[in-house]
Protein backbone atom coordinates (compact mmCIF):
# COMPACT_ATOMS: atom_id res chain seq x y z
CA UNK A 1 -0.11 -0.07 -0.08
CA UNK A 2 2.87 1.96 0.91
CA UNK A 3 4.20 1.84 -1.97
CA UNK A 4 1.48 2.43 -3.98
CA UNK A 5 0.88 6.44 -2.32
CA UNK A 6 4.19 6.93 -3.34
CA UNK A 7 3.91 6.41 -7.10
CA UNK A 8 0.99 8.70 -6.61
CA UNK A 9 2.77 11.18 -4.94
CA UNK A 10 5.99 10.74 -7.59
CA UNK A 11 3.16 11.50 -10.55
CA UNK A 12 1.12 14.29 -8.47
CA UNK A 13 4.48 16.04 -8.60
CA UNK A 14 5.93 15.32 -11.63
CA UNK A 15 2.65 16.73 -12.91
CA UNK A 16 2.64 19.81 -10.56
CA UNK A 17 6.23 20.00 -11.98
CA UNK A 18 4.75 20.48 -15.51
CA UNK A 19 1.43 22.07 -14.99
CA UNK A 20 2.76 25.49 -16.46
CA UNK A 21 2.93 24.15 -19.92
CA UNK A 22 -0.72 22.65 -20.09
CA UNK A 23 -2.71 25.66 -18.27
CA UNK A 24 -1.74 28.61 -20.64
CA UNK A 25 0.59 30.69 -18.27
CA UNK A 26 4.61 30.58 -19.63
CA UNK A 27 7.42 28.27 -18.39
CA UNK A 28 9.96 29.90 -16.54
CA UNK A 29 13.21 28.57 -18.27
CA UNK A 30 16.42 29.65 -18.80
CA UNK A 31 18.46 29.65 -23.04
CA UNK A 32 20.38 26.74 -21.60
CA UNK A 33 16.98 25.05 -20.74
CA UNK A 34 15.41 25.95 -23.76
CA UNK A 35 19.28 25.39 -26.20
CA UNK A 36 19.53 22.15 -23.88
CA UNK A 37 16.68 20.22 -24.37
CA UNK A 38 14.46 21.85 -27.18
CA UNK A 39 12.28 18.93 -27.68
CA UNK A 40 10.57 19.02 -24.71
CA UNK A 41 10.15 23.22 -25.17
CA UNK A 42 9.30 22.91 -28.72
CA UNK A 43 6.10 25.32 -29.38
CA UNK A 44 5.63 26.63 -25.79
CA UNK A 45 4.91 29.87 -24.31
CA UNK A 46 8.34 30.76 -22.38
CA UNK A 47 9.46 33.00 -20.17
CA UNK A 48 12.91 33.38 -20.16
CA UNK A 49 16.03 36.24 -18.82
CA UNK A 50 19.02 36.64 -21.05
CA UNK A 51 20.93 38.49 -22.94
CA UNK A 52 19.56 39.77 -26.46
CA UNK A 53 22.43 40.83 -29.33
CA UNK A 54 21.63 42.00 -32.40
CA UNK A 55 23.88 42.49 -35.01
CA UNK A 56 24.37 42.05 -39.28
CA UNK A 57 23.31 37.93 -39.61
CA UNK A 58 23.05 37.93 -35.54
CA UNK A 59 19.41 38.20 -33.23
CA UNK A 60 19.79 35.60 -30.63
CA UNK A 61 19.04 35.01 -27.18
CA UNK A 62 22.42 33.67 -25.23
CA UNK A 63 22.95 32.57 -21.15
CA UNK A 64 26.61 32.97 -21.27
CA UNK A 65 28.29 29.92 -21.25
CA UNK A 66 25.67 26.89 -21.56
CA UNK A 67 26.91 23.15 -20.25
CA UNK A 68 27.39 20.21 -23.02
CA UNK A 69 25.35 18.51 -24.30
CA UNK A 70 23.98 15.65 -26.59
CA UNK A 71 20.38 16.51 -27.96
CA UNK A 72 20.52 20.04 -28.02
CA UNK A 73 19.94 22.97 -30.10
CA UNK A 74 23.27 25.29 -32.13
CA UNK A 75 21.52 28.96 -30.32
CA UNK A 76 18.28 30.56 -29.94
CA UNK A 77 17.20 32.78 -32.88
CA UNK A 78 14.90 35.48 -31.85
CA UNK A 79 11.93 36.71 -33.84
CA UNK A 80 9.33 39.73 -33.37
CA UNK A 81 6.04 38.92 -33.20
CA UNK A 82 2.77 40.14 -34.59
CA UNK A 83 3.41 42.47 -37.24
CA UNK A 84 6.23 43.48 -36.42
CA UNK A 85 10.35 43.70 -38.52
CA UNK A 86 13.03 43.53 -36.71
CA UNK A 87 15.22 44.37 -39.07
CA UNK A 88 18.24 42.19 -39.05
CA UNK A 89 20.34 41.45 -42.12
CA UNK A 90 20.45 38.12 -42.78
CA UNK A 91 20.46 34.49 -45.01
CA UNK A 92 17.97 33.60 -46.60
CA UNK A 93 15.71 35.77 -45.33
CA UNK A 94 14.94 39.81 -45.98
CA UNK A 95 13.35 40.34 -42.37
CA UNK A 96 14.65 44.22 -43.69
CA UNK A 97 11.08 46.17 -45.01
CA UNK A 98 7.94 47.18 -43.94
CA UNK A 99 6.18 45.49 -41.08
CA UNK A 100 4.01 42.23 -41.47
CA UNK A 101 0.29 42.73 -43.53
CA UNK A 102 -0.95 39.83 -41.55
CA UNK A 103 0.55 38.33 -37.86
CA UNK A 104 3.57 35.82 -38.01
CA UNK A 105 2.82 32.71 -38.50
CA UNK A 106 5.16 29.50 -37.68
CA UNK A 107 4.15 25.82 -37.88
CA UNK A 108 0.58 26.82 -38.31
CA UNK A 109 0.65 28.79 -34.82
CA UNK A 110 -0.14 32.78 -35.49
CA UNK A 111 1.70 34.79 -32.65
CA UNK A 112 0.39 38.70 -31.60
CA UNK A 113 3.13 41.75 -29.73
CA UNK A 114 2.16 43.34 -27.23
CA UNK A 115 3.66 46.56 -28.77
CA UNK A 116 3.93 48.87 -25.57
CA UNK A 117 6.64 51.42 -24.26
CA UNK A 118 9.10 48.26 -22.54
CA UNK A 119 9.23 46.27 -26.32
CA UNK A 120 10.33 50.22 -27.74
CA UNK A 121 12.67 50.58 -25.52
CA UNK A 122 13.97 46.50 -26.22
CA UNK A 123 13.76 46.98 -29.97
CA UNK A 124 15.31 50.69 -30.10
CA UNK A 125 18.92 49.74 -27.67
CA UNK A 126 19.53 46.35 -29.75
CA UNK A 127 19.71 49.31 -32.73
CA UNK A 128 21.87 51.49 -31.06
CA UNK A 129 25.25 51.47 -33.86
CA UNK A 130 28.34 49.56 -31.43
CA UNK A 131 25.97 48.68 -28.39
CA UNK A 132 23.53 45.98 -28.98
CA UNK A 133 23.37 43.96 -26.34
CA UNK A 134 20.09 44.05 -23.79
CA UNK A 135 19.49 41.84 -20.96
CA UNK A 136 15.87 41.59 -20.90
CA UNK A 137 12.86 38.98 -19.29
CA UNK A 138 10.48 37.95 -22.73
CA UNK A 139 7.49 36.06 -23.49
CA UNK A 140 7.74 34.08 -25.80
CA UNK A 141 6.60 31.04 -28.58
CA UNK A 142 9.11 28.25 -28.61
CA UNK A 143 10.06 26.62 -31.47
CA UNK A 144 12.65 23.90 -31.91
CA UNK A 145 12.76 23.16 -34.88
CA UNK A 146 14.32 20.17 -37.07
CA UNK A 147 16.28 17.77 -35.52
CA UNK A 148 19.62 15.55 -37.24
CA UNK A 149 21.90 12.43 -36.19
CA UNK A 150 25.71 13.32 -37.52
CA UNK A 151 28.16 10.79 -36.10
CA UNK A 152 25.66 9.88 -33.12
CA UNK A 153 25.28 13.80 -32.67
CA UNK A 154 21.69 15.41 -32.75
CA UNK A 155 21.21 18.89 -33.07
CA UNK A 156 18.81 21.07 -33.47
CA UNK A 157 18.01 24.43 -35.94
CA UNK A 158 16.40 25.40 -39.11
CA UNK A 159 15.92 28.68 -38.07
CA UNK A 160 17.81 32.05 -38.89
CA UNK A 161 20.74 33.21 -40.42
CA UNK A 162 21.93 29.56 -42.67
CA UNK A 163 19.10 27.67 -40.61
CA UNK A 164 21.59 27.78 -37.79
CA UNK A 165 19.22 28.25 -34.82
CA UNK A 166 16.10 27.21 -32.81
CA UNK A 167 13.94 29.73 -32.45
CA UNK A 168 11.99 32.39 -29.85
CA UNK A 169 8.93 34.49 -30.92
CA UNK A 170 9.16 37.32 -28.81
CA UNK A 171 5.54 38.09 -27.54
CA UNK A 172 6.20 40.19 -25.00
CA UNK A 173 8.86 42.57 -23.01
CA UNK A 174 8.67 42.05 -19.53
CA UNK A 175 11.70 44.02 -18.14
CA UNK A 176 14.81 45.24 -20.33
CA UNK A 177 18.33 46.78 -19.45
CA UNK A 178 21.14 47.73 -21.68
CA UNK A 179 24.53 45.35 -21.86
CA UNK A 180 27.79 45.15 -22.84
CA UNK A 181 28.42 42.41 -24.99
CA UNK A 182 29.84 38.77 -23.60
CA UNK A 183 28.25 36.04 -25.43
CA UNK A 184 30.89 34.02 -23.15
CA UNK A 185 30.87 35.26 -19.80
CA UNK A 186 30.54 33.06 -16.58
CA UNK A 187 28.32 35.50 -15.16
CA UNK A 188 25.20 34.36 -14.08
CA UNK A 189 22.05 36.09 -16.20
CA UNK A 190 19.62 36.58 -13.40
CA UNK A 191 16.10 38.11 -13.58
CA UNK A 192 15.11 41.43 -11.84
CA UNK A 193 14.44 41.44 -8.23
CA UNK A 194 11.32 43.98 -8.12
CA UNK A 195 7.78 42.06 -9.36
CA UNK A 196 7.58 41.55 -13.69
CA UNK A 197 4.32 42.95 -14.93
CA UNK A 198 1.57 39.99 -16.00
CA UNK A 199 1.62 38.65 -18.83
CA UNK A 200 -0.88 39.88 -21.16
CA UNK A 201 -4.62 38.47 -21.56
CA UNK A 202 -3.61 38.26 -25.41
CA UNK A 203 -0.79 35.71 -25.68
CA UNK A 204 -2.88 32.83 -23.33
CA UNK A 205 -4.55 30.66 -24.89
CA UNK A 206 -8.82 31.85 -24.67
CA UNK A 207 -10.25 30.47 -21.35
CA UNK A 208 -7.62 30.37 -19.49
């Protein structure tokens, strides 16, 4: 009987820990968790804090050094949801033109963008000359991409410059501050200690 109770308890803890994936709220993750296990978070709405950087052939999201893991994504490429273009020059997509006529759709999932003052600051800081990096907390839809295996090494990608990366479609920016670009820093990137604004209800599934 004790074994049965223990087993039920383990199941309850498992489903409680993954409830964020099913109750409509974004799942809190780190960039390294997304890169380390892309398939687990594919198509999920996530909330993540890290360093965003924007340059020629670059619009990515990092958290310094991530421990090497098999089956990982090669990187996290950013794109704006809704109709906004990110104005990123890369192969082989044109995102430098005017904003889209329709909301961005990836894998059949439409996206929206909370185009508020926090997002505008995020976008403006990323397009500064020679200082194009920020630390930010964003809510967005994650797309792992296609997985492939070569020489026993499994990786995910297909989005971004030359299909380098998995994709994070930014739908809301909760917090942002400028920083110096240092993708190899060993210093952990942490979320702000002040309360973040609530996730915009337009990002959540109906009825949640």
